N, C-alpha and C. Protein backbone atom coordinates (compact mmCIF):
# COMPACT_ATOMS: atom_id res chain seq x y z
N MET A 1 90.37 95.80 90.84
CA MET A 1 91.32 96.15 89.80
C MET A 1 90.57 96.31 88.48
N THR A 2 91.18 97.01 87.57
CA THR A 2 90.53 97.25 86.29
C THR A 2 90.73 96.06 85.37
N SER A 3 89.84 95.93 84.40
CA SER A 3 89.94 94.79 83.49
C SER A 3 90.87 95.08 82.33
N GLY A 4 91.01 96.33 81.94
CA GLY A 4 91.91 96.67 80.85
C GLY A 4 93.32 96.84 81.36
N THR A 5 94.24 97.13 80.45
CA THR A 5 95.60 97.40 80.85
C THR A 5 95.98 98.77 80.34
N PRO A 6 95.67 99.82 81.12
CA PRO A 6 96.06 101.16 80.70
C PRO A 6 97.58 101.26 80.59
N THR A 7 98.02 102.18 79.81
CA THR A 7 99.45 102.35 79.64
C THR A 7 100.08 102.94 80.90
N LEU A 8 101.27 102.55 81.19
CA LEU A 8 102.03 103.12 82.29
C LEU A 8 103.26 103.85 81.73
N GLU A 9 103.11 104.38 80.54
CA GLU A 9 104.18 105.10 79.88
C GLU A 9 104.68 106.23 80.77
N THR A 10 105.97 106.28 81.01
CA THR A 10 106.52 107.31 81.90
C THR A 10 107.31 108.37 81.14
N GLU A 11 107.70 108.09 79.92
CA GLU A 11 108.56 109.01 79.18
C GLU A 11 107.92 110.39 78.99
N PHE A 12 106.62 110.42 78.79
CA PHE A 12 105.91 111.69 78.60
C PHE A 12 106.12 112.62 79.80
N TYR A 13 106.24 112.07 80.98
CA TYR A 13 106.35 112.84 82.22
C TYR A 13 107.80 113.09 82.64
N ALA A 14 108.73 112.51 81.93
CA ALA A 14 110.13 112.48 82.36
C ALA A 14 110.71 113.87 82.63
N VAL A 15 111.46 113.94 83.73
CA VAL A 15 112.21 115.13 84.08
C VAL A 15 113.66 114.73 84.27
N ASP A 16 114.56 115.67 83.99
CA ASP A 16 115.99 115.41 84.16
C ASP A 16 116.39 115.51 85.62
N ARG A 17 117.54 114.95 85.92
CA ARG A 17 118.03 114.94 87.29
C ARG A 17 118.36 116.33 87.83
N ASP A 18 118.53 117.31 86.95
CA ASP A 18 118.86 118.66 87.42
C ASP A 18 117.61 119.51 87.66
N VAL A 19 116.45 118.91 87.65
CA VAL A 19 115.20 119.61 87.88
C VAL A 19 115.14 120.12 89.33
N ALA A 20 114.45 121.23 89.54
CA ALA A 20 114.25 121.76 90.89
C ALA A 20 113.19 120.92 91.61
N VAL A 21 113.27 120.84 92.92
CA VAL A 21 112.33 120.03 93.70
C VAL A 21 110.87 120.40 93.45
N PRO A 22 110.48 121.68 93.43
CA PRO A 22 109.06 121.98 93.20
C PRO A 22 108.54 121.46 91.85
N GLU A 23 109.36 121.57 90.81
CA GLU A 23 108.95 121.06 89.50
C GLU A 23 108.87 119.53 89.52
N PHE A 24 109.83 118.90 90.16
CA PHE A 24 109.83 117.44 90.31
C PHE A 24 108.54 116.97 90.97
N LEU A 25 108.16 117.62 92.07
CA LEU A 25 106.94 117.24 92.78
C LEU A 25 105.69 117.52 91.95
N ALA A 26 105.69 118.61 91.19
CA ALA A 26 104.54 118.92 90.33
C ALA A 26 104.35 117.83 89.28
N VAL A 27 105.44 117.40 88.67
CA VAL A 27 105.36 116.33 87.66
C VAL A 27 104.94 115.02 88.32
N ALA A 28 105.48 114.74 89.49
CA ALA A 28 105.11 113.51 90.21
C ALA A 28 103.61 113.48 90.47
N LYS A 29 103.04 114.61 90.87
CA LYS A 29 101.59 114.67 91.16
C LYS A 29 100.76 114.49 89.89
N VAL A 30 101.19 115.09 88.79
CA VAL A 30 100.46 114.92 87.53
C VAL A 30 100.48 113.46 87.11
N TYR A 31 101.66 112.85 87.19
CA TYR A 31 101.78 111.43 86.85
C TYR A 31 100.89 110.60 87.77
N ALA A 32 100.93 110.89 89.08
CA ALA A 32 100.12 110.14 90.05
C ALA A 32 98.63 110.27 89.73
N ARG A 33 98.17 111.46 89.39
CA ARG A 33 96.75 111.65 89.04
C ARG A 33 96.37 110.78 87.85
N ASP A 34 97.23 110.73 86.86
CA ASP A 34 96.93 109.92 85.67
C ASP A 34 96.90 108.43 85.99
N VAL A 35 97.78 107.96 86.85
CA VAL A 35 97.78 106.55 87.26
C VAL A 35 96.51 106.25 88.05
N VAL A 36 96.16 107.12 88.99
CA VAL A 36 94.94 106.93 89.79
C VAL A 36 93.72 106.84 88.89
N GLU A 37 93.64 107.72 87.92
CA GLU A 37 92.50 107.73 87.00
C GLU A 37 92.49 106.48 86.11
N ALA A 38 93.63 106.11 85.58
CA ALA A 38 93.71 104.96 84.67
C ALA A 38 93.36 103.65 85.36
N TYR A 39 93.66 103.54 86.65
CA TYR A 39 93.45 102.29 87.37
C TYR A 39 92.33 102.37 88.40
N ASP A 40 91.63 103.49 88.42
CA ASP A 40 90.50 103.67 89.33
C ASP A 40 90.90 103.37 90.78
N LEU A 41 92.03 103.93 91.19
CA LEU A 41 92.52 103.73 92.55
C LEU A 41 91.78 104.66 93.52
N ALA A 42 91.59 104.21 94.72
CA ALA A 42 90.96 105.01 95.77
C ALA A 42 92.02 105.90 96.39
N ALA A 43 92.36 106.96 95.68
CA ALA A 43 93.38 107.89 96.14
C ALA A 43 93.05 109.27 95.60
N ASP A 44 93.14 110.27 96.46
CA ASP A 44 92.93 111.65 96.04
C ASP A 44 94.29 112.34 96.09
N VAL A 45 94.93 112.43 94.94
CA VAL A 45 96.28 112.97 94.85
C VAL A 45 96.35 114.39 95.39
N SER A 46 95.33 115.19 95.12
CA SER A 46 95.31 116.58 95.58
C SER A 46 95.19 116.70 97.09
N ALA A 47 94.56 115.74 97.73
CA ALA A 47 94.39 115.78 99.19
C ALA A 47 95.65 115.37 99.93
N LEU A 48 96.58 114.73 99.24
CA LEU A 48 97.82 114.28 99.86
C LEU A 48 98.86 115.39 99.83
N LYS A 49 99.66 115.46 100.86
CA LYS A 49 100.84 116.32 100.84
C LYS A 49 101.93 115.54 100.13
N TRP A 50 102.68 116.19 99.26
CA TRP A 50 103.79 115.54 98.55
C TRP A 50 105.08 116.23 98.96
N GLU A 51 106.09 115.42 99.28
CA GLU A 51 107.36 115.98 99.74
C GLU A 51 108.53 115.15 99.24
N VAL A 52 109.71 115.75 99.34
CA VAL A 52 110.96 115.07 98.99
C VAL A 52 111.75 114.86 100.26
N SER A 53 112.29 113.67 100.41
CA SER A 53 113.20 113.38 101.52
C SER A 53 114.62 113.41 100.99
N LYS A 54 115.46 114.19 101.63
CA LYS A 54 116.87 114.22 101.25
C LYS A 54 117.72 113.47 102.28
N ARG A 55 117.06 112.79 103.24
CA ARG A 55 117.77 112.04 104.27
C ARG A 55 117.65 110.54 104.11
N ALA A 56 116.57 110.06 103.54
CA ALA A 56 116.31 108.61 103.47
C ALA A 56 117.42 107.89 102.72
N LYS A 57 117.78 106.73 103.23
CA LYS A 57 118.86 105.93 102.64
C LYS A 57 118.41 104.53 102.27
N ARG A 58 117.32 104.04 102.88
CA ARG A 58 116.91 102.66 102.65
C ARG A 58 115.60 102.55 101.90
N ARG A 59 114.88 103.63 101.73
CA ARG A 59 113.60 103.56 101.05
C ARG A 59 113.54 104.62 99.96
N ALA A 60 112.93 104.25 98.88
CA ALA A 60 112.81 105.16 97.75
C ALA A 60 111.59 106.07 97.89
N GLY A 61 110.66 105.66 98.72
CA GLY A 61 109.46 106.44 98.95
C GLY A 61 108.74 105.93 100.17
N ALA A 62 107.73 106.69 100.60
CA ALA A 62 106.96 106.28 101.77
C ALA A 62 105.62 106.99 101.76
N VAL A 63 104.63 106.34 102.37
CA VAL A 63 103.35 106.98 102.63
C VAL A 63 103.28 107.15 104.14
N LYS A 64 103.11 108.38 104.56
CA LYS A 64 102.93 108.65 105.98
C LYS A 64 101.42 108.73 106.22
N TYR A 65 100.97 108.09 107.27
CA TYR A 65 99.54 108.06 107.52
C TYR A 65 99.25 108.14 109.00
N HIS A 66 98.03 108.56 109.31
CA HIS A 66 97.57 108.64 110.69
C HIS A 66 96.36 107.73 110.80
N GLY A 67 96.46 106.71 111.66
CA GLY A 67 95.39 105.71 111.70
C GLY A 67 95.38 104.97 110.38
N GLU A 68 94.26 105.01 109.71
CA GLU A 68 94.15 104.37 108.39
C GLU A 68 94.06 105.41 107.28
N HIS A 69 94.43 106.66 107.58
CA HIS A 69 94.28 107.74 106.62
C HIS A 69 95.63 108.22 106.09
N PRO A 70 95.89 107.99 104.80
CA PRO A 70 97.15 108.48 104.23
C PRO A 70 97.17 110.00 104.20
N GLU A 71 98.33 110.57 104.55
CA GLU A 71 98.44 112.03 104.61
C GLU A 71 99.51 112.59 103.67
N THR A 72 100.64 111.87 103.55
CA THR A 72 101.78 112.41 102.82
C THR A 72 102.44 111.31 102.00
N VAL A 73 102.85 111.66 100.79
CA VAL A 73 103.69 110.78 99.98
C VAL A 73 105.07 111.44 99.94
N SER A 74 106.08 110.70 100.36
CA SER A 74 107.45 111.19 100.39
C SER A 74 108.26 110.41 99.35
N LEU A 75 108.98 111.14 98.51
CA LEU A 75 109.84 110.54 97.49
C LEU A 75 111.29 110.89 97.82
N THR A 76 112.17 109.92 97.71
CA THR A 76 113.57 110.11 98.11
C THR A 76 114.38 110.70 96.95
N TRP A 77 114.93 111.87 97.21
CA TRP A 77 115.68 112.61 96.20
C TRP A 77 116.90 111.83 95.71
N GLU A 78 117.64 111.23 96.62
CA GLU A 78 118.84 110.49 96.22
C GLU A 78 118.50 109.33 95.29
N TYR A 79 117.36 108.69 95.52
CA TYR A 79 116.93 107.60 94.64
C TYR A 79 116.66 108.14 93.23
N PHE A 80 115.96 109.26 93.14
CA PHE A 80 115.72 109.90 91.84
C PHE A 80 117.03 110.27 91.17
N GLN A 81 117.95 110.86 91.93
CA GLN A 81 119.23 111.27 91.35
C GLN A 81 120.03 110.06 90.85
N GLU A 82 119.96 108.97 91.56
CA GLU A 82 120.71 107.77 91.21
C GLU A 82 120.07 106.99 90.05
N HIS A 83 118.76 106.87 90.06
CA HIS A 83 118.06 105.97 89.12
C HIS A 83 117.21 106.66 88.06
N GLY A 84 116.94 107.95 88.21
CA GLY A 84 116.20 108.68 87.19
C GLY A 84 114.69 108.60 87.31
N TRP A 85 114.03 109.23 86.33
CA TRP A 85 112.58 109.38 86.36
C TRP A 85 111.83 108.06 86.26
N ALA A 86 112.19 107.17 85.34
CA ALA A 86 111.42 105.93 85.15
C ALA A 86 111.37 105.12 86.44
N ALA A 87 112.48 105.02 87.14
CA ALA A 87 112.49 104.28 88.41
C ALA A 87 111.67 105.00 89.46
N THR A 88 111.69 106.32 89.45
CA THR A 88 110.90 107.09 90.41
C THR A 88 109.42 106.95 90.11
N ALA A 89 109.04 106.88 88.84
CA ALA A 89 107.64 106.65 88.48
C ALA A 89 107.18 105.31 89.03
N ASP A 90 108.05 104.33 89.02
CA ASP A 90 107.76 103.02 89.61
C ASP A 90 107.47 103.18 91.10
N VAL A 91 108.25 104.00 91.78
CA VAL A 91 108.06 104.25 93.21
C VAL A 91 106.72 104.95 93.44
N ILE A 92 106.38 105.90 92.58
CA ILE A 92 105.10 106.60 92.72
C ILE A 92 103.94 105.60 92.63
N ARG A 93 104.00 104.70 91.66
CA ARG A 93 102.95 103.67 91.55
C ARG A 93 102.90 102.81 92.80
N HIS A 94 104.06 102.44 93.31
CA HIS A 94 104.16 101.64 94.53
C HIS A 94 103.45 102.37 95.69
N GLU A 95 103.78 103.63 95.87
CA GLU A 95 103.19 104.40 96.98
C GLU A 95 101.69 104.60 96.77
N LEU A 96 101.24 104.75 95.54
CA LEU A 96 99.80 104.89 95.27
C LEU A 96 99.04 103.62 95.65
N ILE A 97 99.68 102.47 95.50
CA ILE A 97 99.04 101.22 95.94
C ILE A 97 98.83 101.26 97.45
N HIS A 98 99.84 101.73 98.18
CA HIS A 98 99.69 101.86 99.64
C HIS A 98 98.52 102.78 99.98
N VAL A 99 98.45 103.93 99.31
CA VAL A 99 97.36 104.88 99.57
C VAL A 99 96.02 104.20 99.28
N HIS A 100 95.92 103.54 98.14
CA HIS A 100 94.68 102.86 97.75
C HIS A 100 94.27 101.83 98.81
N LEU A 101 95.20 100.98 99.21
CA LEU A 101 94.87 99.93 100.17
C LEU A 101 94.58 100.47 101.57
N LEU A 102 95.22 101.56 101.94
CA LEU A 102 94.88 102.21 103.20
C LEU A 102 93.44 102.72 103.15
N ASN A 103 93.09 103.37 102.05
CA ASN A 103 91.74 103.92 101.90
C ASN A 103 90.67 102.84 101.79
N GLU A 104 90.98 101.75 101.14
CA GLU A 104 89.99 100.69 100.90
C GLU A 104 89.90 99.68 102.04
N ALA A 105 91.04 99.35 102.64
CA ALA A 105 91.05 98.25 103.61
C ALA A 105 91.84 98.56 104.88
N GLY A 106 92.37 99.77 105.00
CA GLY A 106 93.18 100.09 106.17
C GLY A 106 94.44 99.26 106.26
N ASP A 107 94.96 98.83 105.11
CA ASP A 107 96.09 97.89 105.07
C ASP A 107 97.32 98.53 104.44
N PRO A 108 98.34 98.89 105.24
CA PRO A 108 99.56 99.47 104.69
C PRO A 108 100.63 98.45 104.32
N SER A 109 100.32 97.16 104.41
CA SER A 109 101.35 96.12 104.26
C SER A 109 101.67 95.81 102.80
N HIS A 110 102.69 94.99 102.62
CA HIS A 110 103.06 94.46 101.31
C HIS A 110 102.50 93.05 101.14
N GLY A 111 101.30 92.83 101.64
CA GLY A 111 100.67 91.51 101.61
C GLY A 111 100.15 91.12 100.24
N ASP A 112 99.26 90.13 100.23
CA ASP A 112 98.74 89.58 98.97
C ASP A 112 98.05 90.62 98.11
N ALA A 113 97.22 91.46 98.72
CA ALA A 113 96.50 92.48 97.94
C ALA A 113 97.50 93.45 97.32
N PHE A 114 98.52 93.83 98.08
CA PHE A 114 99.54 94.73 97.54
C PHE A 114 100.25 94.08 96.35
N ARG A 115 100.61 92.83 96.50
CA ARG A 115 101.34 92.12 95.43
C ARG A 115 100.49 92.00 94.16
N GLU A 116 99.19 91.79 94.33
CA GLU A 116 98.30 91.74 93.15
C GLU A 116 98.29 93.08 92.43
N TRP A 117 98.15 94.16 93.20
CA TRP A 117 98.16 95.49 92.59
C TRP A 117 99.53 95.81 91.98
N ALA A 118 100.60 95.37 92.63
CA ALA A 118 101.95 95.62 92.10
C ALA A 118 102.12 94.97 90.73
N THR A 119 101.56 93.77 90.58
CA THR A 119 101.60 93.11 89.27
C THR A 119 100.79 93.90 88.25
N GLU A 120 99.60 94.33 88.65
CA GLU A 120 98.72 95.11 87.77
C GLU A 120 99.37 96.41 87.32
N LEU A 121 100.03 97.09 88.24
CA LEU A 121 100.64 98.39 87.93
C LEU A 121 102.11 98.26 87.52
N ARG A 122 102.56 97.03 87.35
CA ARG A 122 103.94 96.76 86.93
C ARG A 122 104.95 97.56 87.75
N THR A 123 104.85 97.35 89.06
CA THR A 123 105.78 98.00 89.97
C THR A 123 106.36 96.94 90.90
N SER A 124 107.45 97.29 91.53
CA SER A 124 108.11 96.32 92.41
C SER A 124 107.59 96.44 93.84
N VAL A 125 107.87 95.42 94.62
CA VAL A 125 107.47 95.42 96.03
C VAL A 125 108.59 96.04 96.87
N THR A 126 109.82 95.91 96.44
CA THR A 126 110.97 96.51 97.13
C THR A 126 111.81 97.30 96.13
N CYS A 127 112.68 98.15 96.65
CA CYS A 127 113.56 98.90 95.76
C CYS A 127 114.99 98.41 95.94
N GLU A 128 115.79 98.63 94.92
CA GLU A 128 117.19 98.23 95.01
C GLU A 128 117.96 99.26 95.85
N ARG A 129 119.05 98.82 96.45
CA ARG A 129 119.86 99.70 97.28
C ARG A 129 120.40 100.84 96.42
N PHE A 130 120.34 102.04 96.95
CA PHE A 130 120.84 103.19 96.20
C PHE A 130 121.85 104.01 96.99
N ALA A 131 122.00 103.72 98.26
CA ALA A 131 122.99 104.42 99.09
C ALA A 131 123.89 103.37 99.74
N GLU A 132 125.14 103.70 99.86
CA GLU A 132 126.08 102.76 100.48
C GLU A 132 125.87 102.75 101.99
N PRO A 133 125.79 101.56 102.58
CA PRO A 133 125.63 101.48 104.04
C PRO A 133 126.91 101.90 104.75
N ASN A 134 126.77 102.24 106.02
CA ASN A 134 127.93 102.59 106.83
C ASN A 134 128.57 101.36 107.46
N TRP A 135 127.76 100.31 107.66
CA TRP A 135 128.25 99.08 108.26
C TRP A 135 127.65 97.88 107.56
N TRP A 136 128.34 96.77 107.67
CA TRP A 136 127.82 95.47 107.24
C TRP A 136 127.86 94.55 108.45
N VAL A 137 126.78 93.84 108.69
CA VAL A 137 126.77 92.81 109.72
C VAL A 137 126.85 91.49 108.95
N VAL A 138 127.86 90.69 109.27
CA VAL A 138 128.19 89.50 108.48
C VAL A 138 128.09 88.25 109.35
N CYS A 139 127.56 87.18 108.77
CA CYS A 139 127.49 85.89 109.45
C CYS A 139 128.81 85.16 109.24
N GLU A 140 129.42 84.70 110.33
CA GLU A 140 130.68 83.96 110.25
C GLU A 140 130.51 82.61 109.57
N SER A 141 129.31 82.03 109.66
CA SER A 141 129.08 80.68 109.11
C SER A 141 128.72 80.68 107.63
N CYS A 142 127.68 81.43 107.28
CA CYS A 142 127.20 81.36 105.89
C CYS A 142 127.64 82.54 105.04
N GLY A 143 128.18 83.59 105.67
CA GLY A 143 128.67 84.74 104.93
C GLY A 143 127.61 85.74 104.51
N SER A 144 126.34 85.53 104.91
CA SER A 144 125.31 86.50 104.51
C SER A 144 125.62 87.85 105.14
N GLU A 145 125.22 88.90 104.43
CA GLU A 145 125.54 90.26 104.86
C GLU A 145 124.26 91.08 104.98
N LEU A 146 124.21 91.88 106.03
CA LEU A 146 123.09 92.80 106.26
C LEU A 146 123.62 94.22 106.23
N ALA A 147 123.08 95.05 105.37
CA ALA A 147 123.49 96.44 105.29
C ALA A 147 122.88 97.22 106.45
N ARG A 148 123.65 98.08 107.05
CA ARG A 148 123.16 98.93 108.13
C ARG A 148 123.64 100.36 107.90
N TYR A 149 122.73 101.31 108.11
CA TYR A 149 123.00 102.72 107.84
C TYR A 149 123.18 103.51 109.12
N ARG A 150 122.72 102.95 110.24
CA ARG A 150 122.85 103.60 111.55
C ARG A 150 123.55 102.65 112.52
N LYS A 151 124.15 103.23 113.53
CA LYS A 151 124.87 102.42 114.51
C LYS A 151 123.87 101.87 115.53
N SER A 152 123.14 100.85 115.12
CA SER A 152 122.10 100.23 115.92
C SER A 152 122.71 99.27 116.94
N LYS A 153 121.84 98.67 117.78
CA LYS A 153 122.30 97.66 118.73
C LYS A 153 122.96 96.50 118.00
N LEU A 154 122.42 96.13 116.86
CA LEU A 154 122.99 95.02 116.08
C LEU A 154 124.42 95.35 115.65
N VAL A 155 124.67 96.58 115.26
CA VAL A 155 126.01 96.99 114.84
C VAL A 155 126.94 97.07 116.05
N LYS A 156 126.45 97.61 117.16
CA LYS A 156 127.27 97.79 118.35
C LYS A 156 127.54 96.48 119.09
N GLN A 157 126.55 95.58 119.07
CA GLN A 157 126.68 94.33 119.84
C GLN A 157 126.22 93.13 119.01
N PRO A 158 126.89 92.85 117.91
CA PRO A 158 126.45 91.74 117.05
C PRO A 158 126.53 90.39 117.74
N GLU A 159 127.38 90.28 118.77
CA GLU A 159 127.53 89.01 119.48
C GLU A 159 126.24 88.62 120.23
N ASN A 160 125.32 89.55 120.41
CA ASN A 160 124.05 89.26 121.09
C ASN A 160 122.99 88.72 120.13
N TYR A 161 123.34 88.59 118.86
CA TYR A 161 122.38 88.17 117.85
C TYR A 161 122.92 86.98 117.06
N ARG A 162 122.05 86.32 116.34
CA ARG A 162 122.42 85.19 115.48
C ARG A 162 121.85 85.41 114.09
N CYS A 163 122.46 84.77 113.12
CA CYS A 163 122.00 84.82 111.74
C CYS A 163 120.62 84.17 111.65
N SER A 164 119.69 84.85 110.99
CA SER A 164 118.34 84.29 110.85
C SER A 164 118.30 83.13 109.86
N GLY A 165 119.32 83.03 109.01
CA GLY A 165 119.35 81.95 108.03
C GLY A 165 119.92 80.65 108.56
N CYS A 166 121.07 80.75 109.25
CA CYS A 166 121.75 79.52 109.68
C CYS A 166 122.02 79.44 111.18
N GLY A 167 121.76 80.54 111.90
CA GLY A 167 122.01 80.55 113.33
C GLY A 167 123.45 80.86 113.70
N GLY A 168 124.27 81.20 112.72
CA GLY A 168 125.69 81.48 112.96
C GLY A 168 125.93 82.77 113.71
N ARG A 169 127.18 82.93 114.20
CA ARG A 169 127.58 84.14 114.91
C ARG A 169 127.73 85.30 113.93
N LEU A 170 127.44 86.49 114.41
CA LEU A 170 127.52 87.70 113.59
C LEU A 170 128.66 88.59 114.05
N TYR A 171 129.21 89.35 113.12
CA TYR A 171 130.16 90.40 113.46
C TYR A 171 129.88 91.59 112.56
N ALA A 172 130.26 92.78 113.02
CA ALA A 172 130.03 94.01 112.26
C ALA A 172 131.35 94.54 111.74
N ARG A 173 131.29 95.10 110.56
CA ARG A 173 132.47 95.77 110.00
C ARG A 173 132.03 97.06 109.34
N THR A 174 132.92 98.03 109.35
CA THR A 174 132.66 99.30 108.71
C THR A 174 132.69 99.10 107.21
N ALA A 175 131.75 99.73 106.54
CA ALA A 175 131.73 99.63 105.07
C ALA A 175 132.87 100.44 104.49
N LYS A 176 133.43 99.94 103.41
CA LYS A 176 134.49 100.68 102.73
C LYS A 176 133.86 101.82 101.96
N LYS A 177 134.40 102.99 102.13
CA LYS A 177 133.94 104.18 101.42
C LYS A 177 134.73 104.33 100.14
N ASN A 178 134.18 105.07 99.18
CA ASN A 178 134.89 105.32 97.92
C ASN A 178 136.25 105.93 98.21
N GLY A 179 137.25 105.41 97.59
CA GLY A 179 138.61 105.91 97.76
C GLY A 179 139.38 105.22 98.87
N ASP A 180 138.75 104.35 99.63
CA ASP A 180 139.44 103.64 100.71
C ASP A 180 140.15 102.42 100.20
């Protein structure tokens, strides 16, 4: 990591929510190049494919890789639309840490090294929910809730599972949609 604290100012790069996807990706790449340079990250922004996902519901971004080699950075359009540029810049920094750690150590995890870099780059390890789930799996004992976006085995057969927190029985319910 670098010894100084370069600025992570995002306002200079800001784009409005009505921006076209190609312009959004162009700005994202310029911002990413500046972050890589400022923090001396092992990432070649130009060598990566950059794309927008209009399907993702649980992740704000992702690095797709083959073996230990990062190939694509995917940014979630709905997250940008919901939270704006500053939050998306945070996601870009997050994904650049993954690229750096893949290139340096073959490590795509959110482990100790990732957390150290996340502190350095003032980015989060997880993102806040931005899409409403289709189902909730709820513990009868402690009331904890798990958001689910697909009709998985857990949603279809919650009786086959137990709460990881208290061991209580689980049940699934359909999420209430706007206007219901």
